[in-house]
Amino acid sequence: MERGIGGEAGQPHFLYYCSMEKRPLVSAIIVTTWSAQDAVKCVQALLQQTIASDLEILVIDNHSEDDSIGTLRVRFGHHPRVRLLESNRNRGYGAGNNYAAQFARGEYLLIINPDNELEPEGLERMVQTLRQDPSIGILAPKLEYPDGRVRESARAFPTLLDVLIKRTFLQYLFPGRLRHYLQTDAPDLPLRDTDWVVGACLFFRKDFFDQLGGFDQRFFLFFEDMDLCRRCLGAGKRVVFASSIVARDRKQRLSGGGFFSLLLKRTGRIHIASAVKYFWKWKSEA
């Protein structure tokens, strides 16, 4: 069944395809921009989950200026567990996830980047973890690159200086401070508390995500995950890193590179703008 959703002139317009069925246990959201092939692989990995029969997948194309939506329609346009949404403008990562979350019917919500693939038992184990411990607000798996390297995705809240150290030669002058920020020396436990986790793969109870108000849409890209984790802790819930659950992370980060290289790229300038917004918002707690 095809439905069109449109607001007033200039507002986002979405198309989605769905089938009428029982309420899913988990709703997974994938926001994609110029990354249809990655999204296909991500969806395929989710359809291989041990609890795939209790899963719905919402893929939102955030106004890719190519035939991404066509690729997605060909692959999943009539799949009973996949719903496609199309935006008429790129509203950013947080806003894209927030919009898709309005259509999510699951008890739990998974937000996952298109270049991530969750191991087959990952979703089931994340559900079990949240069921067993209601004090957890946000749960994130370990992110592992194809060559076996582990992405340092569970971190301490940084100061502006910490962000600068990470991206300049200052990392060689302050190695201890960098290790503290990246939690390099943290114990390797199946579950451990942390300040924040990068937003490549996040798991929540849907009602808690709604309680937080979703992502702060003032962050077009970057720092929205750090901000969300900060609000999670402020709401009295824990942010937990699950090193025993793995998601494969296939791509180099958009925010990679040194400080000066960021200035030369649009994504880099967005990163800097988001950093300014974040540190201004939380200036009283920095």
Foldseek 3Di string as FASTA:
>chain_A
DKDKDDDPPPFKIKIKDEDDDDQAAEEEEEEDAPPLVLLVQQVVLCCLAPRNVRYAYEYEYQQHPDCSVVSCCVVPVHPHRYMYIYTNHRLADQVRVLVVLVVHRHQKYKYAYSQKHWHRHQVVVVVVVCVVDVLAFKEAEWEAEPVGDTDLFFFADDDPVLVQCVFDPVCVVCVVSVCRGSVVVPDDDQKDFGQFGDRNIMMGRSVSCVVLVTFDSVQRDPPSRNVSSNVCVVVRGTYMYGHVTYMYRYDDDPCDHHLVVLVVDPVSVSNVVNVVVVCVVCVVPD
